[in-house]
């Protein structure tokens, strides 16, 4: 996705060897026009799936997920990082490790909003080590729901999560894949091929 890659080149900042800071438009301040394009791109790729719900986790996944849900005309459901007192007793939880924050926390989804009849599209902003996506996969499995695909805005291709998820047979669509990073330099490529047998383009 050239527009997203151009924005990463213009505004992305590499910290250390493996942190790409793009919080000026994706996960702190949000460029809503770009998010709308991102949502439409995910919707186009997954449009032939029988999706009933778009699932993400608060907070950074909400922006791309809400525009994807809007483009698909499906509800957005997001996992909470703390269980609110108003949540019903019935819920599904999974443990997630944040490598950037250096801590482990539980994510929860109310059982009222996720069940065996659901076909779920997972959306998140980054894929590096895969802990968040695996937590969402665990929650959907516990709910008896089916995951029909995973959409990622930026995948760190030099880390293992993307390869592992694809080897599990998951339909993983990453809009941009980072091949390598160094201070002042990001090498990347578009993650969606020009045409895919399973997902023909409009």
N, C-alpha and C. Protein backbone atom coordinates (compact mmCIF):
# COMPACT_ATOMS: atom_id res chain seq x y z
N UNK A 1 0.85 -1.19 0.00
CA UNK A 1 0.00 0.00 0.00
C UNK A 1 0.89 1.24 0.00
N UNK A 2 0.98 1.85 -1.18
CA UNK A 2 1.98 2.89 -1.38
C UNK A 2 1.76 4.11 -0.49
N UNK A 3 0.50 4.49 -0.30
CA UNK A 3 0.23 5.68 0.51
C UNK A 3 0.73 5.49 1.95
N UNK A 4 0.51 4.32 2.50
CA UNK A 4 0.98 4.04 3.86
C UNK A 4 2.51 4.01 3.91
N UNK A 5 3.13 3.40 2.92
CA UNK A 5 4.61 3.35 2.89
C UNK A 5 5.19 4.76 2.77
N UNK A 6 4.57 5.60 1.96
CA UNK A 6 5.04 6.98 1.84
C UNK A 6 4.96 7.70 3.18
N UNK A 7 3.90 7.45 3.93
CA UNK A 7 3.74 8.10 5.23
C UNK A 7 4.77 7.59 6.23
N UNK A 8 5.06 6.30 6.18
CA UNK A 8 6.09 5.75 7.06
C UNK A 8 7.45 6.37 6.74
N UNK A 9 7.76 6.50 5.45
CA UNK A 9 9.02 7.11 5.06
C UNK A 9 9.11 8.56 5.53
N UNK A 10 8.00 9.28 5.45
CA UNK A 10 8.00 10.70 5.80
C UNK A 10 8.02 10.93 7.30
N UNK A 11 7.23 10.16 8.05
CA UNK A 11 7.00 10.46 9.47
C UNK A 11 7.46 9.38 10.43
N UNK A 12 7.86 8.21 9.92
CA UNK A 12 8.29 7.13 10.81
C UNK A 12 9.65 7.43 11.43
N UNK A 13 9.83 6.92 12.63
CA UNK A 13 11.10 7.12 13.33
C UNK A 13 11.54 5.79 13.94
N UNK A 14 12.76 5.37 13.61
CA UNK A 14 13.28 4.10 14.11
C UNK A 14 13.99 4.35 15.43
N UNK A 15 13.62 3.55 16.44
CA UNK A 15 14.25 3.63 17.76
C UNK A 15 14.94 2.30 18.02
N UNK A 16 16.24 2.35 18.22
CA UNK A 16 16.98 1.11 18.41
C UNK A 16 17.00 0.29 17.14
N UNK A 17 16.88 -1.04 17.29
CA UNK A 17 16.95 -1.93 16.14
C UNK A 17 15.59 -2.44 15.69
N UNK A 18 14.57 -2.34 16.55
CA UNK A 18 13.33 -3.01 16.19
C UNK A 18 12.05 -2.26 16.56
N UNK A 19 12.15 -0.98 16.89
CA UNK A 19 10.96 -0.20 17.21
C UNK A 19 10.76 0.87 16.14
N UNK A 20 9.59 0.83 15.51
CA UNK A 20 9.21 1.83 14.52
C UNK A 20 8.12 2.71 15.13
N UNK A 21 8.43 3.97 15.32
CA UNK A 21 7.49 4.90 15.96
C UNK A 21 6.72 5.64 14.87
N UNK A 22 5.43 5.35 14.76
CA UNK A 22 4.57 6.03 13.79
C UNK A 22 3.31 6.55 14.49
N UNK A 23 3.55 7.07 15.69
CA UNK A 23 2.41 7.53 16.49
C UNK A 23 1.88 8.88 16.05
N UNK A 24 2.51 9.51 15.06
CA UNK A 24 1.99 10.79 14.57
C UNK A 24 0.79 10.61 13.66
N UNK A 25 0.54 9.34 13.21
CA UNK A 25 -0.62 9.15 12.32
C UNK A 25 -1.37 7.85 12.55
N UNK A 26 -0.83 6.92 13.37
CA UNK A 26 -1.48 5.61 13.50
C UNK A 26 -1.99 5.31 14.90
N UNK A 27 -1.13 5.40 15.91
CA UNK A 27 -1.53 4.86 17.20
C UNK A 27 -1.38 5.83 18.38
N UNK A 28 -1.42 7.12 18.09
CA UNK A 28 -1.56 8.12 19.15
C UNK A 28 -2.36 9.28 18.56
N UNK A 29 -1.74 10.04 17.68
CA UNK A 29 -2.49 10.93 16.80
C UNK A 29 -2.88 10.11 15.57
N UNK A 30 -4.12 10.28 15.09
CA UNK A 30 -4.63 9.42 14.02
C UNK A 30 -4.99 10.25 12.80
N UNK A 31 -4.46 9.86 11.65
CA UNK A 31 -4.84 10.44 10.37
C UNK A 31 -6.09 9.69 9.90
N UNK A 32 -7.26 10.29 10.09
CA UNK A 32 -8.51 9.57 9.83
C UNK A 32 -8.71 9.30 8.34
N UNK A 33 -8.20 10.18 7.47
CA UNK A 33 -8.31 9.92 6.03
C UNK A 33 -7.52 8.68 5.65
N UNK A 34 -6.31 8.55 6.20
CA UNK A 34 -5.50 7.37 5.93
C UNK A 34 -6.15 6.13 6.55
N UNK A 35 -6.73 6.26 7.74
CA UNK A 35 -7.41 5.12 8.36
C UNK A 35 -8.59 4.66 7.53
N UNK A 36 -9.28 5.60 6.91
CA UNK A 36 -10.41 5.22 6.07
C UNK A 36 -9.93 4.39 4.88
N UNK A 37 -8.82 4.78 4.27
CA UNK A 37 -8.25 4.03 3.15
C UNK A 37 -7.80 2.65 3.63
N UNK A 38 -7.19 2.59 4.80
CA UNK A 38 -6.74 1.31 5.37
C UNK A 38 -7.94 0.39 5.60
N UNK A 39 -9.01 0.93 6.18
CA UNK A 39 -10.21 0.13 6.40
C UNK A 39 -10.80 -0.41 5.11
N UNK A 40 -10.82 0.42 4.10
CA UNK A 40 -11.35 0.00 2.80
C UNK A 40 -10.48 -1.08 2.16
N UNK A 41 -9.16 -0.97 2.38
CA UNK A 41 -8.24 -1.98 1.83
C UNK A 41 -8.45 -3.34 2.49
N UNK A 42 -8.59 -3.35 3.81
CA UNK A 42 -8.88 -4.61 4.50
C UNK A 42 -10.23 -5.17 4.05
N UNK A 43 -11.24 -4.30 3.95
CA UNK A 43 -12.57 -4.75 3.53
C UNK A 43 -12.52 -5.35 2.14
N UNK A 44 -11.73 -4.76 1.24
CA UNK A 44 -11.60 -5.26 -0.12
C UNK A 44 -10.95 -6.65 -0.12
N UNK A 45 -9.92 -6.81 0.67
CA UNK A 45 -9.20 -8.08 0.70
C UNK A 45 -10.07 -9.20 1.27
N UNK A 46 -10.80 -8.89 2.36
CA UNK A 46 -11.57 -9.93 3.06
C UNK A 46 -13.04 -9.96 2.66
N UNK A 47 -13.43 -9.25 1.60
CA UNK A 47 -14.85 -9.06 1.33
C UNK A 47 -15.60 -10.36 1.05
N UNK A 48 -14.91 -11.40 0.60
CA UNK A 48 -15.59 -12.66 0.29
C UNK A 48 -15.75 -13.58 1.51
N UNK A 49 -15.20 -13.18 2.61
CA UNK A 49 -15.37 -13.94 3.85
C UNK A 49 -16.75 -13.63 4.45
N UNK A 50 -17.30 -14.59 5.13
CA UNK A 50 -18.59 -14.39 5.80
C UNK A 50 -18.34 -13.83 7.20
N UNK A 51 -18.00 -12.57 7.27
CA UNK A 51 -17.63 -11.93 8.54
C UNK A 51 -18.88 -11.45 9.26
N UNK A 52 -18.95 -11.75 10.55
CA UNK A 52 -20.04 -11.21 11.37
C UNK A 52 -19.55 -10.13 12.34
N UNK A 53 -18.24 -10.13 12.63
CA UNK A 53 -17.71 -9.20 13.60
C UNK A 53 -16.24 -8.91 13.31
N UNK A 54 -15.84 -7.65 13.57
CA UNK A 54 -14.43 -7.26 13.52
C UNK A 54 -13.95 -7.15 14.96
N UNK A 55 -12.84 -7.80 15.27
CA UNK A 55 -12.32 -7.86 16.64
C UNK A 55 -10.93 -7.26 16.70
N UNK A 56 -10.70 -6.44 17.73
CA UNK A 56 -9.37 -5.88 17.97
C UNK A 56 -9.17 -5.77 19.48
N UNK A 57 -8.12 -5.07 19.88
CA UNK A 57 -7.85 -4.85 21.30
C UNK A 57 -7.59 -3.36 21.50
N UNK A 58 -8.03 -2.85 22.65
CA UNK A 58 -7.75 -1.44 22.92
C UNK A 58 -6.25 -1.26 23.19
N UNK A 59 -5.65 -0.11 22.88
CA UNK A 59 -6.34 1.01 22.27
C UNK A 59 -5.91 1.19 20.82
N UNK A 60 -4.67 0.80 20.50
CA UNK A 60 -4.10 1.14 19.19
C UNK A 60 -4.79 0.45 18.03
N UNK A 61 -5.42 -0.68 18.28
CA UNK A 61 -6.08 -1.38 17.18
C UNK A 61 -7.42 -0.80 16.80
N UNK A 62 -7.97 0.07 17.65
CA UNK A 62 -9.34 0.52 17.42
C UNK A 62 -9.48 1.36 16.16
N UNK A 63 -8.53 2.26 15.90
CA UNK A 63 -8.67 3.15 14.74
C UNK A 63 -8.76 2.38 13.42
N UNK A 64 -7.78 1.50 13.08
CA UNK A 64 -7.93 0.76 11.82
C UNK A 64 -9.12 -0.20 11.84
N UNK A 65 -9.43 -0.75 13.02
CA UNK A 65 -10.52 -1.72 13.09
C UNK A 65 -11.88 -1.07 12.88
N UNK A 66 -12.07 0.13 13.41
CA UNK A 66 -13.38 0.77 13.29
C UNK A 66 -13.67 1.15 11.84
N UNK A 67 -12.62 1.57 11.10
CA UNK A 67 -12.83 1.91 9.70
C UNK A 67 -13.02 0.65 8.85
N UNK A 68 -12.39 -0.46 9.26
CA UNK A 68 -12.63 -1.73 8.58
C UNK A 68 -14.05 -2.19 8.81
N UNK A 69 -14.50 -2.11 10.06
CA UNK A 69 -15.88 -2.50 10.38
C UNK A 69 -16.88 -1.64 9.64
N UNK A 70 -16.59 -0.36 9.55
CA UNK A 70 -17.49 0.55 8.81
C UNK A 70 -17.57 0.16 7.34
N UNK A 71 -16.41 -0.12 6.73
CA UNK A 71 -16.39 -0.49 5.31
C UNK A 71 -17.12 -1.81 5.06
N UNK A 72 -17.04 -2.73 6.03
CA UNK A 72 -17.70 -4.03 5.91
C UNK A 72 -19.16 -3.98 6.37
N UNK A 73 -19.54 -2.89 7.04
CA UNK A 73 -20.87 -2.76 7.64
C UNK A 73 -21.13 -3.87 8.66
N UNK A 74 -20.14 -4.09 9.51
CA UNK A 74 -20.23 -5.10 10.57
C UNK A 74 -19.89 -4.46 11.90
N UNK A 75 -20.34 -5.06 13.02
CA UNK A 75 -20.02 -4.50 14.33
C UNK A 75 -18.53 -4.62 14.65
N UNK A 76 -18.03 -3.65 15.40
CA UNK A 76 -16.67 -3.70 15.94
C UNK A 76 -16.74 -4.12 17.39
N UNK A 77 -15.92 -5.09 17.75
CA UNK A 77 -15.80 -5.53 19.13
C UNK A 77 -14.34 -5.41 19.53
N UNK A 78 -14.06 -4.79 20.68
CA UNK A 78 -12.66 -4.71 21.10
C UNK A 78 -12.48 -5.30 22.49
N UNK A 79 -11.38 -6.02 22.64
CA UNK A 79 -11.02 -6.62 23.92
C UNK A 79 -10.53 -5.52 24.85
N UNK A 80 -10.95 -5.61 26.10
CA UNK A 80 -10.54 -4.64 27.11
C UNK A 80 -9.27 -5.11 27.80
N UNK A 81 -8.42 -4.15 28.17
CA UNK A 81 -7.19 -4.49 28.88
C UNK A 81 -7.38 -4.50 30.39
N UNK A 82 -8.55 -4.10 30.83
CA UNK A 82 -8.91 -4.26 32.24
C UNK A 82 -10.39 -4.57 32.28
N UNK A 83 -10.78 -5.46 33.15
CA UNK A 83 -12.18 -5.89 33.22
C UNK A 83 -12.99 -4.84 33.98
N UNK A 84 -13.91 -4.14 33.30
CA UNK A 84 -14.70 -3.13 34.01
C UNK A 84 -15.70 -3.75 34.95
N UNK A 85 -16.08 -3.02 35.98
CA UNK A 85 -17.03 -3.53 36.97
C UNK A 85 -18.40 -3.77 36.35
N UNK A 86 -18.69 -3.12 35.23
CA UNK A 86 -19.99 -3.27 34.60
C UNK A 86 -20.07 -4.48 33.67
N UNK A 87 -18.94 -5.14 33.42
CA UNK A 87 -18.96 -6.30 32.54
C UNK A 87 -19.64 -7.47 33.21
N UNK A 88 -20.47 -8.18 32.46
CA UNK A 88 -21.16 -9.35 32.99
C UNK A 88 -20.14 -10.39 33.48
N UNK A 89 -20.63 -11.28 34.34
CA UNK A 89 -19.75 -12.31 34.90
C UNK A 89 -19.17 -13.19 33.80
N UNK A 90 -19.95 -13.45 32.74
CA UNK A 90 -19.48 -14.30 31.67
C UNK A 90 -18.57 -13.54 30.72
N UNK A 91 -17.33 -13.96 30.63
CA UNK A 91 -16.39 -13.31 29.71
C UNK A 91 -15.27 -14.29 29.35
N UNK A 92 -14.56 -13.94 28.30
CA UNK A 92 -13.40 -14.72 27.86
C UNK A 92 -12.15 -13.86 28.04
N UNK A 93 -11.09 -14.50 28.52
CA UNK A 93 -9.87 -13.75 28.81
C UNK A 93 -8.65 -14.50 28.27
N UNK A 94 -7.62 -13.74 27.98
CA UNK A 94 -6.34 -14.31 27.55
C UNK A 94 -5.22 -13.41 28.05
N UNK A 95 -4.06 -14.01 28.25
CA UNK A 95 -2.90 -13.26 28.72
C UNK A 95 -2.08 -12.80 27.52
N UNK A 96 -1.70 -11.53 27.54
CA UNK A 96 -0.94 -10.92 26.44
C UNK A 96 0.30 -10.25 27.02
N UNK A 97 1.41 -10.42 26.32
CA UNK A 97 2.65 -9.76 26.75
C UNK A 97 2.95 -8.59 25.82
N UNK A 98 3.15 -7.41 26.40
CA UNK A 98 3.56 -6.24 25.63
C UNK A 98 5.08 -6.12 25.71
N UNK A 99 5.74 -6.31 24.57
CA UNK A 99 7.20 -6.24 24.58
C UNK A 99 7.68 -4.79 24.61
N UNK A 100 6.90 -3.87 24.03
CA UNK A 100 7.32 -2.47 24.07
C UNK A 100 7.13 -1.87 25.45
N UNK A 101 6.09 -2.33 26.17
CA UNK A 101 5.84 -1.80 27.52
C UNK A 101 6.48 -2.65 28.60
N UNK A 102 6.91 -3.86 28.22
CA UNK A 102 7.59 -4.72 29.17
C UNK A 102 6.71 -5.25 30.29
N UNK A 103 5.45 -5.58 29.97
CA UNK A 103 4.57 -6.12 31.00
C UNK A 103 3.58 -7.10 30.40
N UNK A 104 2.95 -7.86 31.26
CA UNK A 104 1.94 -8.85 30.87
C UNK A 104 0.61 -8.40 31.44
N UNK A 105 -0.45 -8.54 30.64
CA UNK A 105 -1.78 -8.15 31.11
C UNK A 105 -2.82 -9.07 30.49
N UNK A 106 -4.01 -9.07 31.09
CA UNK A 106 -5.13 -9.85 30.57
C UNK A 106 -5.99 -8.98 29.66
N UNK A 107 -6.47 -9.57 28.56
CA UNK A 107 -7.48 -8.92 27.75
C UNK A 107 -8.78 -9.71 27.89
N UNK A 108 -9.91 -9.01 27.88
CA UNK A 108 -11.19 -9.66 28.13
C UNK A 108 -12.24 -9.20 27.13
N UNK A 109 -13.13 -10.12 26.80
CA UNK A 109 -14.29 -9.84 25.94
C UNK A 109 -15.51 -10.45 26.61
N UNK A 110 -16.60 -9.70 26.66
CA UNK A 110 -17.83 -10.20 27.24
C UNK A 110 -18.39 -11.34 26.40
N UNK A 111 -18.85 -12.39 27.08
CA UNK A 111 -19.48 -13.52 26.38
C UNK A 111 -20.78 -13.12 25.73
N UNK A 112 -21.33 -11.97 26.11
CA UNK A 112 -22.57 -11.50 25.50
C UNK A 112 -22.37 -11.10 24.04
N UNK A 113 -21.13 -10.79 23.66
CA UNK A 113 -20.88 -10.22 22.34
C UNK A 113 -20.11 -11.14 21.40
N UNK A 114 -19.76 -12.33 21.86
CA UNK A 114 -18.97 -13.25 21.03
C UNK A 114 -19.40 -14.67 21.32
N UNK A 115 -19.74 -15.41 20.26
CA UNK A 115 -20.22 -16.77 20.47
C UNK A 115 -19.99 -17.66 19.27
N UNK A 116 -20.48 -18.89 19.33
CA UNK A 116 -20.21 -19.90 18.30
C UNK A 116 -20.71 -19.54 16.90
N UNK A 117 -21.67 -18.65 16.81
CA UNK A 117 -22.19 -18.29 15.48
C UNK A 117 -21.34 -17.23 14.79
N UNK A 118 -20.35 -16.69 15.48
CA UNK A 118 -19.57 -15.58 14.92
C UNK A 118 -18.43 -16.04 14.03
N UNK A 119 -18.24 -15.29 12.94
CA UNK A 119 -17.08 -15.44 12.06
C UNK A 119 -16.31 -14.13 12.16
N UNK A 120 -15.10 -14.21 12.69
CA UNK A 120 -14.39 -13.03 13.19
C UNK A 120 -13.22 -12.66 12.30
N UNK A 121 -13.12 -11.35 12.03
CA UNK A 121 -11.93 -10.78 11.39
C UNK A 121 -11.17 -10.00 12.45
N UNK A 122 -9.93 -10.40 12.73
CA UNK A 122 -9.08 -9.72 13.70
C UNK A 122 -8.28 -8.64 12.98
N UNK A 123 -8.26 -7.44 13.55
CA UNK A 123 -7.50 -6.31 13.00
C UNK A 123 -6.59 -5.75 14.10
N UNK A 124 -5.34 -5.45 13.77
CA UNK A 124 -4.46 -4.79 14.73
C UNK A 124 -3.48 -3.90 13.98
N UNK A 125 -2.83 -3.00 14.73
CA UNK A 125 -1.95 -2.02 14.09
C UNK A 125 -0.59 -2.62 13.73
N UNK A 126 0.04 -3.34 14.68
CA UNK A 126 1.37 -3.90 14.47
C UNK A 126 1.37 -5.40 14.70
N UNK A 127 2.24 -6.10 13.98
CA UNK A 127 2.52 -7.51 14.26
C UNK A 127 4.02 -7.65 14.35
N UNK A 128 4.49 -8.04 15.54
CA UNK A 128 5.92 -8.25 15.75
C UNK A 128 6.14 -9.66 16.30
N UNK A 129 5.92 -9.83 17.59
CA UNK A 129 6.06 -11.14 18.22
C UNK A 129 4.75 -11.92 18.23
N UNK A 130 3.63 -11.24 18.00
CA UNK A 130 2.35 -11.93 17.82
C UNK A 130 1.56 -12.21 19.07
N UNK A 131 1.97 -11.68 20.22
CA UNK A 131 1.28 -11.99 21.46
C UNK A 131 -0.17 -11.51 21.47
N UNK A 132 -0.41 -10.31 20.95
CA UNK A 132 -1.77 -9.77 20.95
C UNK A 132 -2.68 -10.58 20.05
N UNK A 133 -2.22 -10.88 18.84
CA UNK A 133 -3.04 -11.68 17.92
C UNK A 133 -3.32 -13.05 18.50
N UNK A 134 -2.32 -13.66 19.11
CA UNK A 134 -2.54 -14.99 19.70
C UNK A 134 -3.54 -14.92 20.85
N UNK A 135 -3.50 -13.82 21.62
CA UNK A 135 -4.49 -13.64 22.68
C UNK A 135 -5.90 -13.54 22.12
N UNK A 136 -6.06 -12.82 21.02
CA UNK A 136 -7.38 -12.70 20.39
C UNK A 136 -7.81 -14.02 19.77
N UNK A 137 -6.87 -14.77 19.21
CA UNK A 137 -7.19 -16.10 18.70
C UNK A 137 -7.66 -17.03 19.83
N UNK A 138 -7.01 -16.92 20.97
CA UNK A 138 -7.40 -17.74 22.13
C UNK A 138 -8.80 -17.39 22.61
N UNK A 139 -9.11 -16.11 22.64
CA UNK A 139 -10.44 -15.67 23.08
C UNK A 139 -11.52 -16.17 22.11
N UNK A 140 -11.29 -16.05 20.82
CA UNK A 140 -12.29 -16.52 19.87
C UNK A 140 -12.46 -18.03 19.95
N UNK A 141 -11.38 -18.75 20.18
CA UNK A 141 -11.46 -20.20 20.34
C UNK A 141 -12.29 -20.57 21.56
N UNK A 142 -12.07 -19.87 22.66
CA UNK A 142 -12.84 -20.15 23.88
C UNK A 142 -14.32 -19.84 23.69
N UNK A 143 -14.61 -18.86 22.85
CA UNK A 143 -16.00 -18.50 22.58
C UNK A 143 -16.66 -19.45 21.59
N UNK A 144 -15.86 -20.31 20.96
CA UNK A 144 -16.38 -21.20 19.94
C UNK A 144 -16.57 -20.52 18.60
N UNK A 145 -16.05 -19.29 18.46
CA UNK A 145 -16.17 -18.54 17.21
C UNK A 145 -15.08 -18.96 16.24
N UNK A 146 -15.26 -18.58 14.98
CA UNK A 146 -14.29 -18.92 13.93
C UNK A 146 -13.56 -17.65 13.48
N UNK A 147 -12.24 -17.71 13.42
CA UNK A 147 -11.45 -16.61 12.87
C UNK A 147 -11.28 -16.85 11.38
N UNK A 148 -11.78 -15.91 10.57
CA UNK A 148 -11.71 -16.07 9.12
C UNK A 148 -10.53 -15.32 8.51
N UNK A 149 -9.86 -14.48 9.31
CA UNK A 149 -8.71 -13.75 8.80
C UNK A 149 -8.13 -12.81 9.83
N UNK A 150 -6.92 -12.37 9.57
CA UNK A 150 -6.23 -11.39 10.43
C UNK A 150 -5.67 -10.30 9.53
N UNK A 151 -6.02 -9.05 9.83
CA UNK A 151 -5.50 -7.91 9.08
C UNK A 151 -4.57 -7.08 9.95
N UNK A 152 -3.38 -6.81 9.45
CA UNK A 152 -2.36 -6.06 10.19
C UNK A 152 -1.94 -4.86 9.36
N UNK A 153 -1.85 -3.70 9.99
CA UNK A 153 -1.43 -2.50 9.26
C UNK A 153 0.05 -2.60 8.92
N UNK A 154 0.90 -2.87 9.91
CA UNK A 154 2.35 -2.96 9.69
C UNK A 154 2.88 -4.23 10.34
N UNK A 155 3.47 -5.10 9.55
CA UNK A 155 4.09 -6.33 10.05
C UNK A 155 5.61 -6.18 10.03
N UNK A 156 6.25 -6.56 11.10
CA UNK A 156 7.71 -6.62 11.13
C UNK A 156 8.12 -7.99 10.60
N UNK A 157 8.43 -8.02 9.30
CA UNK A 157 8.70 -9.29 8.64
C UNK A 157 9.96 -9.97 9.11
N UNK A 158 10.88 -9.21 9.74
CA UNK A 158 12.13 -9.79 10.22
C UNK A 158 11.94 -10.50 11.56
N UNK A 159 10.74 -10.42 12.13
CA UNK A 159 10.42 -11.20 13.32
C UNK A 159 9.49 -12.35 12.91
N UNK A 160 9.23 -13.27 13.79
CA UNK A 160 8.71 -14.58 13.39
C UNK A 160 7.20 -14.72 13.35
N UNK A 161 6.46 -13.80 13.94
CA UNK A 161 5.02 -14.02 14.14
C UNK A 161 4.26 -14.20 12.83
N UNK A 162 4.57 -13.38 11.83
CA UNK A 162 3.85 -13.50 10.57
C UNK A 162 4.02 -14.86 9.93
N UNK A 163 5.25 -15.32 9.87
CA UNK A 163 5.52 -16.64 9.29
C UNK A 163 4.79 -17.73 10.07
N UNK A 164 4.83 -17.66 11.39
CA UNK A 164 4.19 -18.67 12.22
C UNK A 164 2.68 -18.71 12.02
N UNK A 165 2.06 -17.54 11.94
CA UNK A 165 0.61 -17.50 11.75
C UNK A 165 0.22 -18.05 10.39
N UNK A 166 0.99 -17.71 9.36
CA UNK A 166 0.69 -18.23 8.02
C UNK A 166 0.88 -19.75 7.98
N UNK A 167 1.87 -20.26 8.67
CA UNK A 167 2.09 -21.70 8.71
C UNK A 167 0.95 -22.43 9.43
N UNK A 168 0.24 -21.70 10.30
CA UNK A 168 -0.94 -22.28 10.97
C UNK A 168 -2.16 -22.27 10.06
N UNK A 169 -2.02 -21.73 8.86
CA UNK A 169 -3.14 -21.69 7.93
C UNK A 169 -4.03 -20.47 8.07
N UNK A 170 -3.59 -19.48 8.83
CA UNK A 170 -4.37 -18.26 9.02
C UNK A 170 -4.21 -17.35 7.81
N UNK A 171 -5.33 -16.82 7.32
CA UNK A 171 -5.30 -15.88 6.21
C UNK A 171 -4.87 -14.52 6.76
N UNK A 172 -3.58 -14.25 6.68
CA UNK A 172 -2.99 -13.04 7.25
C UNK A 172 -2.72 -12.03 6.14
N UNK A 173 -3.32 -10.86 6.28
CA UNK A 173 -3.12 -9.77 5.32
C UNK A 173 -2.44 -8.62 6.03
N UNK A 174 -1.19 -8.36 5.67
CA UNK A 174 -0.45 -7.21 6.21
C UNK A 174 -0.31 -6.18 5.10
N UNK A 175 -0.71 -4.94 5.37
CA UNK A 175 -0.67 -3.92 4.34
C UNK A 175 0.75 -3.53 3.98
N UNK A 176 1.62 -3.45 4.99
CA UNK A 176 3.04 -3.15 4.78
C UNK A 176 3.86 -4.13 5.61
N UNK A 177 4.91 -4.66 5.01
CA UNK A 177 5.83 -5.56 5.72
C UNK A 177 7.20 -4.89 5.78
N UNK A 178 7.71 -4.72 7.00
CA UNK A 178 9.03 -4.15 7.21
C UNK A 178 10.07 -5.27 7.07
N UNK A 179 11.00 -5.10 6.13
CA UNK A 179 12.03 -6.11 5.91
C UNK A 179 13.20 -5.94 6.86
N UNK A 180 13.64 -4.69 7.06
CA UNK A 180 14.72 -4.41 8.00
C UNK A 180 14.69 -2.93 8.34
N UNK A 181 15.24 -2.62 9.50
CA UNK A 181 15.26 -1.23 9.97
C UNK A 181 16.62 -0.93 10.55
N UNK A 182 17.03 0.32 10.40
CA UNK A 182 18.20 0.84 11.10
C UNK A 182 17.93 2.33 11.30
N UNK A 183 18.75 2.98 12.08
CA UNK A 183 18.51 4.39 12.37
C UNK A 183 18.47 5.20 11.06
N UNK A 184 17.32 5.84 10.84
CA UNK A 184 17.16 6.67 9.65
C UNK A 184 16.79 5.92 8.39
N UNK A 185 16.57 4.59 8.49
CA UNK A 185 16.28 3.79 7.30
C UNK A 185 15.27 2.71 7.60
N UNK A 186 14.26 2.60 6.73
CA UNK A 186 13.27 1.53 6.82
C UNK A 186 13.12 0.91 5.44
N UNK A 187 13.40 -0.38 5.34
CA UNK A 187 13.18 -1.10 4.09
C UNK A 187 11.90 -1.91 4.23
N UNK A 188 10.99 -1.77 3.26
CA UNK A 188 9.67 -2.38 3.38
C UNK A 188 9.10 -2.68 2.01
N UNK A 189 8.02 -3.46 2.01
CA UNK A 189 7.29 -3.72 0.77
C UNK A 189 5.81 -3.86 1.09
N UNK A 190 4.98 -3.69 0.07
CA UNK A 190 3.55 -3.88 0.25
C UNK A 190 3.23 -5.32 0.51
N UNK A 191 2.35 -5.57 1.44
CA UNK A 191 2.06 -6.95 1.83
C UNK A 191 0.98 -7.63 1.03
N UNK A 192 0.18 -6.87 0.28
CA UNK A 192 -0.89 -7.46 -0.52
C UNK A 192 -0.43 -7.55 -1.97
N UNK A 193 -0.44 -8.75 -2.55
CA UNK A 193 -0.03 -8.87 -3.95
C UNK A 193 -1.02 -8.17 -4.86
N UNK A 194 -0.58 -7.83 -6.06
CA UNK A 194 -1.44 -7.14 -7.02
C UNK A 194 -2.70 -7.94 -7.31
N UNK A 195 -2.59 -9.25 -7.30
CA UNK A 195 -3.77 -10.10 -7.48
C UNK A 195 -3.55 -11.37 -6.69
N UNK A 196 -4.62 -11.85 -6.09
CA UNK A 196 -4.55 -13.08 -5.29
C UNK A 196 -5.69 -13.98 -5.70
N UNK A 197 -5.40 -15.27 -5.90
CA UNK A 197 -6.45 -16.20 -6.37
C UNK A 197 -7.62 -16.24 -5.40
N UNK A 198 -7.30 -16.18 -4.10
CA UNK A 198 -8.38 -16.25 -3.12
C UNK A 198 -9.09 -14.93 -2.92
N UNK A 199 -8.46 -13.83 -3.29
CA UNK A 199 -9.00 -12.52 -3.02
C UNK A 199 -8.83 -11.62 -4.24
N UNK A 200 -9.57 -11.84 -5.32
CA UNK A 200 -9.40 -11.01 -6.50
C UNK A 200 -9.73 -9.57 -6.21
N UNK A 201 -8.97 -8.66 -6.80
CA UNK A 201 -9.16 -7.25 -6.56
C UNK A 201 -10.27 -6.70 -7.43
N UNK A 202 -10.87 -5.60 -7.01
CA UNK A 202 -11.87 -4.93 -7.81
C UNK A 202 -11.19 -4.21 -8.96
